Amino acid sequence: RRRGVVMDGRDIGTVVFPDAELKLFMTADPAVRARRRYDELTAKGQQVTLEEIERNVRERDKADMSRAISPLRQADDAIVLDNSRMTVDEQMEWFVRLFDETTKG
């Protein structure tokens, strides 16, 4: 009600705050997400394969989207951010521009 809250989660925009002023649905291609995770884990010295990471990403997505209670889904009025080909800085620039347009426009 007083605004100014930023939250993240699979059901925040659909269940917890369905009337939120600005909703984002962040996604990326599963292969890209798997590569990011693979790079993160191997940089820490963990022995994993890209194939097993991608399989895990796809299985987790399927489980999250098909769960009976509060499944992962895009709110009808959410704006999609597909960050498959974006740097973190590019994502922040995109978000700040959208936030400014939404809250000041």
PDB file of N, CA and C in Angstrom:
ATOM      1  N   ARG A   1       0.812  -1.210   0.000  1.00  0.00           N
ATOM      2  CA  ARG A   1       0.000   0.000   0.000  1.00  0.00           C
ATOM      3  C   ARG A   1       0.846   1.260   0.000  1.00  0.00           C
ATOM      4  N   ARG A   2       1.973   1.232   0.686  1.00  0.00           N
ATOM      5  CA  ARG A   2       2.801   2.437   0.758  1.00  0.00           C
ATOM      6  C   ARG A   2       3.865   2.467  -0.330  1.00  0.00           C
ATOM      7  N   ARG A   3       3.949   1.422  -1.132  1.00  0.00           N
ATOM      8  CA  ARG A   3       4.904   1.326  -2.245  1.00  0.00           C
ATOM      9  C   ARG A   3       6.335   1.236  -1.746  1.00  0.00           C
ATOM     10  N   GLY A   4       7.269   1.201  -2.678  1.00  0.00           N
ATOM     11  CA  GLY A   4       8.676   1.190  -2.324  1.00  0.00           C
ATOM     12  C   GLY A   4       9.244  -0.174  -1.968  1.00  0.00           C
ATOM     13  N   VAL A   5       8.541  -1.248  -2.275  1.00  0.00           N
ATOM     14  CA  VAL A   5       9.006  -2.590  -1.959  1.00  0.00           C
ATOM     15  C   VAL A   5       9.476  -3.277  -3.235  1.00  0.00           C
ATOM     16  N   VAL A   6      10.622  -3.928  -3.149  1.00  0.00           N
ATOM     17  CA  VAL A   6      11.112  -4.746  -4.252  1.00  0.00           C
ATOM     18  C   VAL A   6      11.179  -6.175  -3.737  1.00  0.00           C
ATOM     19  N   MET A   7      10.514  -7.093  -4.447  1.00  0.00           N
ATOM     20  CA  MET A   7      10.489  -8.489  -4.019  1.00  0.00           C
ATOM     21  C   MET A   7      10.742  -9.391  -5.203  1.00  0.00           C
ATOM     22  N   ASP A   8      11.233 -10.584  -4.897  1.00  0.00           N
ATOM     23  CA  ASP A   8      11.560 -11.573  -5.904  1.00  0.00           C
ATOM     24  C   ASP A   8      11.010 -12.920  -5.455  1.00  0.00           C
ATOM     25  N   GLY A   9      10.421 -13.642  -6.392  1.00  0.00           N
ATOM     26  CA  GLY A   9       9.916 -14.974  -6.072  1.00  0.00           C
ATOM     27  C   GLY A   9       8.948 -15.441  -7.127  1.00  0.00           C
ATOM     28  N   ARG A  10       8.692 -16.736  -7.143  1.00  0.00           N
ATOM     29  CA  ARG A  10       7.896 -17.291  -8.235  1.00  0.00           C
ATOM     30  C   ARG A  10       6.430 -16.862  -8.212  1.00  0.00           C
ATOM     31  N   ASP A  11       5.908 -16.443  -7.061  1.00  0.00           N
ATOM     32  CA  ASP A  11       4.484 -16.071  -7.020  1.00  0.00           C
ATOM     33  C   ASP A  11       4.261 -14.655  -6.483  1.00  0.00           C
ATOM     34  N   ILE A  12       5.286 -13.846  -6.462  1.00  0.00           N
ATOM     35  CA  ILE A  12       5.153 -12.492  -5.908  1.00  0.00           C
ATOM     36  C   ILE A  12       4.156 -11.660  -6.708  1.00  0.00           C
ATOM     37  N   GLY A  13       4.263 -11.673  -8.038  1.00  0.00           N
ATOM     38  CA  GLY A  13       3.377 -10.858  -8.868  1.00  0.00           C
ATOM     39  C   GLY A  13       2.017 -11.468  -9.133  1.00  0.00           C
ATOM     40  N   THR A  14       1.878 -12.761  -8.879  1.00  0.00           N
ATOM     41  CA  THR A  14       0.601 -13.417  -9.152  1.00  0.00           C
ATOM     42  C   THR A  14      -0.212 -13.691  -7.902  1.00  0.00           C
ATOM     43  N   VAL A  15       0.447 -13.895  -6.751  1.00  0.00           N
ATOM     44  CA  VAL A  15      -0.257 -14.256  -5.519  1.00  0.00           C
ATOM     45  C   VAL A  15      -0.029 -13.237  -4.409  1.00  0.00           C
ATOM     46  N   VAL A  16       1.218 -12.928  -4.118  1.00  0.00           N
ATOM     47  CA  VAL A  16       1.542 -12.084  -2.974  1.00  0.00           C
ATOM     48  C   VAL A  16       1.143 -10.628  -3.214  1.00  0.00           C
ATOM     49  N   PHE A  17       1.560 -10.057  -4.341  1.00  0.00           N
ATOM     50  CA  PHE A  17       1.224  -8.672  -4.688  1.00  0.00           C
ATOM     51  C   PHE A  17       0.607  -8.600  -6.083  1.00  0.00           C
ATOM     52  N   PRO A  18      -0.605  -9.129  -6.261  1.00  0.00           N
ATOM     53  CA  PRO A  18      -1.205  -9.138  -7.601  1.00  0.00           C
ATOM     54  C   PRO A  18      -1.519  -7.737  -8.136  1.00  0.00           C
ATOM     55  N   ASP A  19      -1.579  -6.735  -7.249  1.00  0.00           N
ATOM     56  CA  ASP A  19      -1.881  -5.370  -7.676  1.00  0.00           C
ATOM     57  C   ASP A  19      -0.639  -4.481  -7.675  1.00  0.00           C
ATOM     58  N   ALA A  20       0.526  -5.070  -7.723  1.00  0.00           N
ATOM     59  CA  ALA A  20       1.764  -4.286  -7.721  1.00  0.00           C
ATOM     60  C   ALA A  20       1.792  -3.321  -8.897  1.00  0.00           C
ATOM     61  N   GLU A  21       2.387  -2.190  -8.671  1.00  0.00           N
ATOM     62  CA  GLU A  21       2.469  -1.127  -9.665  1.00  0.00           C
ATOM     63  C   GLU A  21       3.363  -1.503 -10.856  1.00  0.00           C
ATOM     64  N   LEU A  22       4.396  -2.273 -10.596  1.00  0.00           N
ATOM     65  CA  LEU A  22       5.321  -2.685 -11.649  1.00  0.00           C
ATOM     66  C   LEU A  22       5.724  -4.129 -11.395  1.00  0.00           C
ATOM     67  N   LYS A  23       5.483  -4.980 -12.379  1.00  0.00           N
ATOM     68  CA  LYS A  23       5.841  -6.391 -12.267  1.00  0.00           C
ATOM     69  C   LYS A  23       6.771  -6.756 -13.416  1.00  0.00           C
ATOM     70  N   LEU A  24       7.834  -7.439 -13.071  1.00  0.00           N
ATOM     71  CA  LEU A  24       8.769  -7.926 -14.078  1.00  0.00           C
ATOM     72  C   LEU A  24       8.791  -9.437 -14.034  1.00  0.00           C
ATOM     73  N   PHE A  25       8.957 -10.039 -15.185  1.00  0.00           N
ATOM     74  CA  PHE A  25       9.149 -11.480 -15.269  1.00  0.00           C
ATOM     75  C   PHE A  25      10.476 -11.685 -15.969  1.00  0.00           C
ATOM     76  N   MET A  26      11.486 -12.061 -15.180  1.00  0.00           N
ATOM     77  CA  MET A  26      12.828 -12.213 -15.708  1.00  0.00           C
ATOM     78  C   MET A  26      13.028 -13.653 -16.169  1.00  0.00           C
ATOM     79  N   THR A  27      13.557 -13.786 -17.364  1.00  0.00           N
ATOM     80  CA  THR A  27      13.793 -15.105 -17.914  1.00  0.00           C
ATOM     81  C   THR A  27      15.054 -15.083 -18.766  1.00  0.00           C
ATOM     82  N   ALA A  28      15.512 -16.249 -19.114  1.00  0.00           N
ATOM     83  CA  ALA A  28      16.627 -16.414 -20.041  1.00  0.00           C
ATOM     84  C   ALA A  28      16.538 -17.823 -20.604  1.00  0.00           C
ATOM     85  N   ASP A  29      17.087 -17.999 -21.760  1.00  0.00           N
ATOM     86  CA  ASP A  29      17.112 -19.303 -22.404  1.00  0.00           C
ATOM     87  C   ASP A  29      17.767 -20.315 -21.456  1.00  0.00           C
ATOM     88  N   PRO A  30      17.189 -21.507 -21.304  1.00  0.00           N
ATOM     89  CA  PRO A  30      17.765 -22.499 -20.394  1.00  0.00           C
ATOM     90  C   PRO A  30      19.234 -22.828 -20.698  1.00  0.00           C
ATOM     91  N   ALA A  31      19.604 -22.854 -21.951  1.00  0.00           N
ATOM     92  CA  ALA A  31      21.001 -23.133 -22.302  1.00  0.00           C
ATOM     93  C   ALA A  31      21.921 -22.019 -21.812  1.00  0.00           C
ATOM     94  N   VAL A  32      21.458 -20.787 -21.895  1.00  0.00           N
ATOM     95  CA  VAL A  32      22.238 -19.648 -21.410  1.00  0.00           C
ATOM     96  C   VAL A  32      22.351 -19.707 -19.887  1.00  0.00           C
ATOM     97  N   ARG A  33      21.248 -19.984 -19.229  1.00  0.00           N
ATOM     98  CA  ARG A  33      21.267 -20.086 -17.768  1.00  0.00           C
ATOM     99  C   ARG A  33      22.185 -21.215 -17.315  1.00  0.00           C
ATOM    100  N   ALA A  34      22.152 -22.325 -18.042  1.00  0.00           N
ATOM    101  CA  ALA A  34      23.022 -23.447 -17.709  1.00  0.00           C
ATOM    102  C   ALA A  34      24.486 -23.061 -17.880  1.00  0.00           C
ATOM    103  N   ARG A  35      24.816 -22.356 -18.929  1.00  0.00           N
ATOM    104  CA  ARG A  35      26.198 -21.927 -19.161  1.00  0.00           C
ATOM    105  C   ARG A  35      26.654 -21.003 -18.035  1.00  0.00           C
ATOM    106  N   ARG A  36      25.797 -20.085 -17.620  1.00  0.00           N
ATOM    107  CA  ARG A  36      26.140 -19.177 -16.527  1.00  0.00           C
ATOM    108  C   ARG A  36      26.423 -19.957 -15.243  1.00  0.00           C
ATOM    109  N   ARG A  37      25.552 -20.904 -14.957  1.00  0.00           N
ATOM    110  CA  ARG A  37      25.716 -21.707 -13.743  1.00  0.00           C
ATOM    111  C   ARG A  37      26.967 -22.577 -13.839  1.00  0.00           C
ATOM    112  N   TYR A  38      27.200 -23.160 -14.997  1.00  0.00           N
ATOM    113  CA  TYR A  38      28.396 -23.980 -15.225  1.00  0.00           C
ATOM    114  C   TYR A  38      29.655 -23.155 -14.985  1.00  0.00           C
ATOM    115  N   ASP A  39      29.707 -21.961 -15.565  1.00  0.00           N
ATOM    116  CA  ASP A  39      30.867 -21.087 -15.383  1.00  0.00           C
ATOM    117  C   ASP A  39      31.073 -20.743 -13.912  1.00  0.00           C
ATOM    118  N   GLU A  40      29.971 -20.483 -13.214  1.00  0.00           N
ATOM    119  CA  GLU A  40      30.040 -20.158 -11.786  1.00  0.00           C
ATOM    120  C   GLU A  40      30.605 -21.330 -10.974  1.00  0.00           C
ATOM    121  N   LEU A  41      30.095 -22.520 -11.224  1.00  0.00           N
ATOM    122  CA  LEU A  41      30.517 -23.687 -10.459  1.00  0.00           C
ATOM    123  C   LEU A  41      31.949 -24.106 -10.778  1.00  0.00           C
ATOM    124  N   THR A  42      32.309 -24.097 -12.054  1.00  0.00           N
ATOM    125  CA  THR A  42      33.673 -24.496 -12.405  1.00  0.00           C
ATOM    126  C   THR A  42      34.696 -23.476 -11.910  1.00  0.00           C
ATOM    127  N   ALA A  43      34.303 -22.206 -11.833  1.00  0.00           N
ATOM    128  CA  ALA A  43      35.209 -21.190 -11.282  1.00  0.00           C
ATOM    129  C   ALA A  43      35.492 -21.456  -9.801  1.00  0.00           C
ATOM    130  N   LYS A  44      34.564 -22.137  -9.149  1.00  0.00           N
ATOM    131  CA  LYS A  44      34.747 -22.506  -7.733  1.00  0.00           C
ATOM    132  C   LYS A  44      35.457 -23.850  -7.599  1.00  0.00           C
ATOM    133  N   GLY A  45      35.842 -24.441  -8.730  1.00  0.00           N
ATOM    134  CA  GLY A  45      36.564 -25.703  -8.707  1.00  0.00           C
ATOM    135  C   GLY A  45      35.694 -26.941  -8.694  1.00  0.00           C
ATOM    136  N   GLN A  46      34.398 -26.793  -8.855  1.00  0.00           N
ATOM    137  CA  GLN A  46      33.512 -27.951  -8.848  1.00  0.00           C
ATOM    138  C   GLN A  46      33.578 -28.677 -10.188  1.00  0.00           C
ATOM    139  N   GLN A  47      33.518 -29.985 -10.131  1.00  0.00           N
ATOM    140  CA  GLN A  47      33.554 -30.822 -11.329  1.00  0.00           C
ATOM    141  C   GLN A  47      32.121 -31.138 -11.762  1.00  0.00           C
ATOM    142  N   VAL A  48      31.644 -30.447 -12.775  1.00  0.00           N
ATOM    143  CA  VAL A  48      30.295 -30.658 -13.302  1.00  0.00           C
ATOM    144  C   VAL A  48      30.377 -30.629 -14.827  1.00  0.00           C
ATOM    145  N   THR A  49      29.324 -31.119 -15.455  1.00  0.00           N
ATOM    146  CA  THR A  49      29.269 -31.024 -16.916  1.00  0.00           C
ATOM    147  C   THR A  49      28.169 -30.043 -17.295  1.00  0.00           C
ATOM    148  N   LEU A  50      28.353 -29.407 -18.411  1.00  0.00           N
ATOM    149  CA  LEU A  50      27.348 -28.476 -18.913  1.00  0.00           C
ATOM    150  C   LEU A  50      26.029 -29.204 -19.144  1.00  0.00           C
ATOM    151  N   GLU A  51      26.100 -30.428 -19.625  1.00  0.00           N
ATOM    152  CA  GLU A  51      24.889 -31.209 -19.909  1.00  0.00           C
ATOM    153  C   GLU A  51      24.085 -31.470 -18.639  1.00  0.00           C
ATOM    154  N   GLU A  52      24.766 -31.843 -17.552  1.00  0.00           N
ATOM    155  CA  GLU A  52      24.029 -32.112 -16.315  1.00  0.00           C
ATOM    156  C   GLU A  52      23.432 -30.834 -15.741  1.00  0.00           C
ATOM    157  N   ILE A  53      24.128 -29.730 -15.872  1.00  0.00           N
ATOM    158  CA  ILE A  53      23.602 -28.453 -15.389  1.00  0.00           C
ATOM    159  C   ILE A  53      22.368 -28.064 -16.189  1.00  0.00           C
ATOM    160  N   GLU A  54      22.428 -28.179 -17.512  1.00  0.00           N
ATOM    161  CA  GLU A  54      21.269 -27.808 -18.332  1.00  0.00           C
ATOM    162  C   GLU A  54      20.081 -28.717 -18.047  1.00  0.00           C
ATOM    163  N   ARG A  55      20.334 -30.006 -17.872  1.00  0.00           N
ATOM    164  CA  ARG A  55      19.248 -30.930 -17.539  1.00  0.00           C
ATOM    165  C   ARG A  55      18.599 -30.515 -16.215  1.00  0.00           C
ATOM    166  N   ASN A  56      19.413 -30.153 -15.232  1.00  0.00           N
ATOM    167  CA  ASN A  56      18.903 -29.714 -13.940  1.00  0.00           C
ATOM    168  C   ASN A  56      18.073 -28.440 -14.069  1.00  0.00           C
ATOM    169  N   VAL A  57      18.544 -27.491 -14.861  1.00  0.00           N
ATOM    170  CA  VAL A  57      17.805 -26.238 -15.074  1.00  0.00           C
ATOM    171  C   VAL A  57      16.431 -26.533 -15.670  1.00  0.00           C
ATOM    172  N   ARG A  58      16.403 -27.367 -16.689  1.00  0.00           N
ATOM    173  CA  ARG A  58      15.123 -27.694 -17.346  1.00  0.00           C
ATOM    174  C   ARG A  58      14.176 -28.461 -16.418  1.00  0.00           C
ATOM    175  N   GLU A  59      14.724 -29.388 -15.641  1.00  0.00           N
ATOM    176  CA  GLU A  59      13.897 -30.139 -14.691  1.00  0.00           C
ATOM    177  C   GLU A  59      13.338 -29.229 -13.607  1.00  0.00           C
ATOM    178  N   ARG A  60      14.165 -28.332 -13.093  1.00  0.00           N
ATOM    179  CA  ARG A  60      13.708 -27.399 -12.064  1.00  0.00           C
ATOM    180  C   ARG A  60      12.626 -26.475 -12.615  1.00  0.00           C
ATOM    181  N   ASP A  61      12.806 -25.983 -13.837  1.00  0.00           N
ATOM    182  CA  ASP A  61      11.781 -25.133 -14.452  1.00  0.00           C
ATOM    183  C   ASP A  61      10.457 -25.883 -14.558  1.00  0.00           C
ATOM    184  N   LYS A  62      10.519 -27.114 -15.026  1.00  0.00           N
ATOM    185  CA  LYS A  62       9.295 -27.910 -15.185  1.00  0.00           C
ATOM    186  C   LYS A  62       8.604 -28.110 -13.833  1.00  0.00           C
ATOM    187  N   ALA A  63       9.391 -28.434 -12.814  1.00  0.00           N
ATOM    188  CA  ALA A  63       8.823 -28.641 -11.478  1.00  0.00           C
ATOM    189  C   ALA A  63       8.216 -27.348 -10.933  1.00  0.00           C
ATOM    190  N   ASP A  64       8.928 -26.234 -11.101  1.00  0.00           N
ATOM    191  CA  ASP A  64       8.423 -24.950 -10.596  1.00  0.00           C
ATOM    192  C   ASP A  64       7.138 -24.526 -11.303  1.00  0.00           C
ATOM    193  N   MET A  65       7.042 -24.787 -12.606  1.00  0.00           N
ATOM    194  CA  MET A  65       5.859 -24.368 -13.363  1.00  0.00           C
ATOM    195  C   MET A  65       4.669 -25.297 -13.176  1.00  0.00           C
ATOM    196  N   SER A  66       4.909 -26.518 -12.721  1.00  0.00           N
ATOM    197  CA  SER A  66       3.804 -27.466 -12.606  1.00  0.00           C
ATOM    198  C   SER A  66       3.419 -27.775 -11.164  1.00  0.00           C
ATOM    199  N   ARG A  67       4.035 -27.091 -10.206  1.00  0.00           N
ATOM    200  CA  ARG A  67       3.675 -27.345  -8.810  1.00  0.00           C
ATOM    201  C   ARG A  67       2.213 -26.963  -8.558  1.00  0.00           C
ATOM    202  N   ALA A  68       1.577 -27.657  -7.661  1.00  0.00           N
ATOM    203  CA  ALA A  68       0.151 -27.452  -7.394  1.00  0.00           C
ATOM    204  C   ALA A  68      -0.125 -26.109  -6.722  1.00  0.00           C
ATOM    205  N   ILE A  69       0.746 -25.690  -5.822  1.00  0.00           N
ATOM    206  CA  ILE A  69       0.526 -24.451  -5.076  1.00  0.00           C
ATOM    207  C   ILE A  69       1.523 -23.399  -5.540  1.00  0.00           C
ATOM    208  N   SER A  70       1.005 -22.249  -5.934  1.00  0.00           N
ATOM    209  CA  SER A  70       1.821 -21.111  -6.352  1.00  0.00           C
ATOM    210  C   SER A  70       2.884 -21.461  -7.390  1.00  0.00           C
ATOM    211  N   PRO A  71       2.467 -21.976  -8.520  1.00  0.00           N
ATOM    212  CA  PRO A  71       3.452 -22.317  -9.540  1.00  0.00           C
ATOM    213  C   PRO A  71       4.105 -21.063 -10.135  1.00  0.00           C
ATOM    214  N   LEU A  72       5.286 -21.261 -10.698  1.00  0.00           N
ATOM    215  CA  LEU A  72       5.962 -20.184 -11.406  1.00  0.00           C
ATOM    216  C   LEU A  72       5.181 -19.886 -12.680  1.00  0.00           C
ATOM    217  N   ARG A  73       4.740 -18.639 -12.802  1.00  0.00           N
ATOM    218  CA  ARG A  73       4.084 -18.219 -14.041  1.00  0.00           C
ATOM    219  C   ARG A  73       4.183 -16.710 -14.146  1.00  0.00           C
ATOM    220  N   GLN A  74       4.113 -16.255 -15.361  1.00  0.00           N
ATOM    221  CA  GLN A  74       4.180 -14.827 -15.622  1.00  0.00           C
ATOM    222  C   GLN A  74       2.812 -14.203 -15.348  1.00  0.00           C
ATOM    223  N   ALA A  75       2.792 -13.143 -14.564  1.00  0.00           N
ATOM    224  CA  ALA A  75       1.539 -12.417 -14.350  1.00  0.00           C
ATOM    225  C   ALA A  75       1.103 -11.811 -15.684  1.00  0.00           C
ATOM    226  N   ASP A  76      -0.188 -11.737 -15.899  1.00  0.00           N
ATOM    227  CA  ASP A  76      -0.710 -11.212 -17.161  1.00  0.00           C
ATOM    228  C   ASP A  76      -0.200  -9.804 -17.455  1.00  0.00           C
ATOM    229  N   ASP A  77       0.004  -9.017 -16.426  1.00  0.00           N
ATOM    230  CA  ASP A  77       0.434  -7.633 -16.628  1.00  0.00           C
ATOM    231  C   ASP A  77       1.923  -7.414 -16.354  1.00  0.00           C
ATOM    232  N   ALA A  78       2.691  -8.487 -16.303  1.00  0.00           N
ATOM    233  CA  ALA A  78       4.138  -8.364 -16.081  1.00  0.00           C
ATOM    234  C   ALA A  78       4.850  -8.005 -17.378  1.00  0.00           C
ATOM    235  N   ILE A  79       5.932  -7.293 -17.238  1.00  0.00           N
ATOM    236  CA  ILE A  79       6.793  -6.957 -18.362  1.00  0.00           C
ATOM    237  C   ILE A  79       7.945  -7.949 -18.362  1.00  0.00           C
ATOM    238  N   VAL A  80       8.186  -8.553 -19.507  1.00  0.00           N
ATOM    239  CA  VAL A  80       9.207  -9.601 -19.599  1.00  0.00           C
ATOM    240  C   VAL A  80      10.580  -9.003 -19.847  1.00  0.00           C
ATOM    241  N   LEU A  81      11.534  -9.465 -19.074  1.00  0.00           N
ATOM    242  CA  LEU A  81      12.940  -9.149 -19.303  1.00  0.00           C
ATOM    243  C   LEU A  81      13.625 -10.468 -19.637  1.00  0.00           C
ATOM    244  N   ASP A  82      13.899 -10.676 -20.917  1.00  0.00           N
ATOM    245  CA  ASP A  82      14.679 -11.837 -21.338  1.00  0.00           C
ATOM    246  C   ASP A  82      16.129 -11.384 -21.372  1.00  0.00           C
ATOM    247  N   ASN A  83      16.885 -11.808 -20.390  1.00  0.00           N
ATOM    248  CA  ASN A  83      18.263 -11.338 -20.268  1.00  0.00           C
ATOM    249  C   ASN A  83      19.276 -12.304 -20.871  1.00  0.00           C
ATOM    250  N   SER A  84      18.830 -13.153 -21.784  1.00  0.00           N
ATOM    251  CA  SER A  84      19.702 -14.144 -22.407  1.00  0.00           C
ATOM    252  C   SER A  84      20.946 -13.527 -23.023  1.00  0.00           C
ATOM    253  N   ARG A  85      20.809 -12.365 -23.587  1.00  0.00           N
ATOM    254  CA  ARG A  85      21.922 -11.732 -24.295  1.00  0.00           C
ATOM    255  C   ARG A  85      22.295 -10.380 -23.693  1.00  0.00           C
ATOM    256  N   MET A  86      22.043 -10.216 -22.394  1.00  0.00           N
ATOM    257  CA  MET A  86      22.310  -8.941 -21.744  1.00  0.00           C
ATOM    258  C   MET A  86      23.339  -9.102 -20.638  1.00  0.00           C
ATOM    259  N   THR A  87      24.157  -8.079 -20.464  1.00  0.00           N
ATOM    260  CA  THR A  87      25.057  -8.041 -19.312  1.00  0.00           C
ATOM    261  C   THR A  87      24.252  -7.562 -18.105  1.00  0.00           C
ATOM    262  N   VAL A  88      24.845  -7.678 -16.932  1.00  0.00           N
ATOM    263  CA  VAL A  88      24.195  -7.172 -15.727  1.00  0.00           C
ATOM    264  C   VAL A  88      23.982  -5.662 -15.848  1.00  0.00           C
ATOM    265  N   ASP A  89      24.967  -4.942 -16.362  1.00  0.00           N
ATOM    266  CA  ASP A  89      24.826  -3.490 -16.535  1.00  0.00           C
ATOM    267  C   ASP A  89      23.687  -3.153 -17.490  1.00  0.00           C
ATOM    268  N   GLU A  90      23.570  -3.888 -18.587  1.00  0.00           N
ATOM    269  CA  GLU A  90      22.478  -3.653 -19.536  1.00  0.00           C
ATOM    270  C   GLU A  90      21.120  -3.916 -18.902  1.00  0.00           C
ATOM    271  N   GLN A  91      21.047  -4.935 -18.069  1.00  0.00           N
ATOM    272  CA  GLN A  91      19.793  -5.228 -17.374  1.00  0.00           C
ATOM    273  C   GLN A  91      19.417  -4.084 -16.435  1.00  0.00           C
ATOM    274  N   MET A  92      20.389  -3.581 -15.707  1.00  0.00           N
ATOM    275  CA  MET A  92      20.122  -2.482 -14.777  1.00  0.00           C
ATOM    276  C   MET A  92      19.696  -1.225 -15.530  1.00  0.00           C
ATOM    277  N   GLU A  93      20.336  -0.920 -16.641  1.00  0.00           N
ATOM    278  CA  GLU A  93      19.936   0.237 -17.449  1.00  0.00           C
ATOM    279  C   GLU A  93      18.500   0.075 -17.927  1.00  0.00           C
ATOM    280  N   TRP A  94      18.163  -1.121 -18.393  1.00  0.00           N
ATOM    281  CA  TRP A  94      16.808  -1.408 -18.856  1.00  0.00           C
ATOM    282  C   TRP A  94      15.815  -1.198 -17.718  1.00  0.00           C
ATOM    283  N   PHE A  95      16.140  -1.757 -16.549  1.00  0.00           N
ATOM    284  CA  PHE A  95      15.237  -1.645 -15.412  1.00  0.00           C
ATOM    285  C   PHE A  95      15.070  -0.204 -14.951  1.00  0.00           C
ATOM    286  N   VAL A  96      16.148   0.530 -14.807  1.00  0.00           N
ATOM    287  CA  VAL A  96      16.074   1.920 -14.331  1.00  0.00           C
ATOM    288  C   VAL A  96      15.223   2.754 -15.288  1.00  0.00           C
ATOM    289  N   ARG A  97      15.409   2.563 -16.578  1.00  0.00           N
ATOM    290  CA  ARG A  97      14.605   3.289 -17.562  1.00  0.00           C
ATOM    291  C   ARG A  97      13.118   2.948 -17.400  1.00  0.00           C
ATOM    292  N   LEU A  98      12.800   1.658 -17.265  1.00  0.00           N
ATOM    293  CA  LEU A  98      11.414   1.228 -17.083  1.00  0.00           C
ATOM    294  C   LEU A  98      10.841   1.752 -15.774  1.00  0.00           C
ATOM    295  N   PHE A  99      11.617   1.673 -14.713  1.00  0.00           N
ATOM    296  CA  PHE A  99      11.170   2.156 -13.408  1.00  0.00           C
ATOM    297  C   PHE A  99      10.865   3.649 -13.476  1.00  0.00           C
ATOM    298  N   ASP A 100      11.768   4.411 -14.061  1.00  0.00           N
ATOM    299  CA  ASP A 100      11.544   5.854 -14.183  1.00  0.00           C
ATOM    300  C   ASP A 100      10.294   6.159 -14.993  1.00  0.00           C
ATOM    301  N   GLU A 101      10.105   5.448 -16.086  1.00  0.00           N
ATOM    302  CA  GLU A 101       8.901   5.662 -16.919  1.00  0.00           C
ATOM    303  C   GLU A 101       7.628   5.320 -16.145  1.00  0.00           C
ATOM    304  N   THR A 102       7.678   4.271 -15.349  1.00  0.00           N
ATOM    305  CA  THR A 102       6.501   3.809 -14.622  1.00  0.00           C
ATOM    306  C   THR A 102       6.153   4.699 -13.443  1.00  0.00           C
ATOM    307  N   THR A 103       7.160   5.120 -12.700  1.00  0.00           N
ATOM    308  CA  THR A 103       6.894   5.843 -11.468  1.00  0.00           C
ATOM    309  C   THR A 103       6.863   7.362 -11.647  1.00  0.00           C
ATOM    310  N   LYS A 104       7.462   7.862 -12.710  1.00  0.00           N
ATOM    311  CA  LYS A 104       7.488   9.311 -12.908  1.00  0.00           C
ATOM    312  C   LYS A 104       6.680   9.753 -14.120  1.00  0.00           C
ATOM    313  N   GLY A 105       6.318   8.792 -14.955  1.00  0.00           N
ATOM    314  CA  GLY A 105       5.633   9.134 -16.191  1.00  0.00           C
ATOM    315  C   GLY A 105       4.190   9.201 -16.020  1.00  0.00           C
TER     316      GLY A 105
END
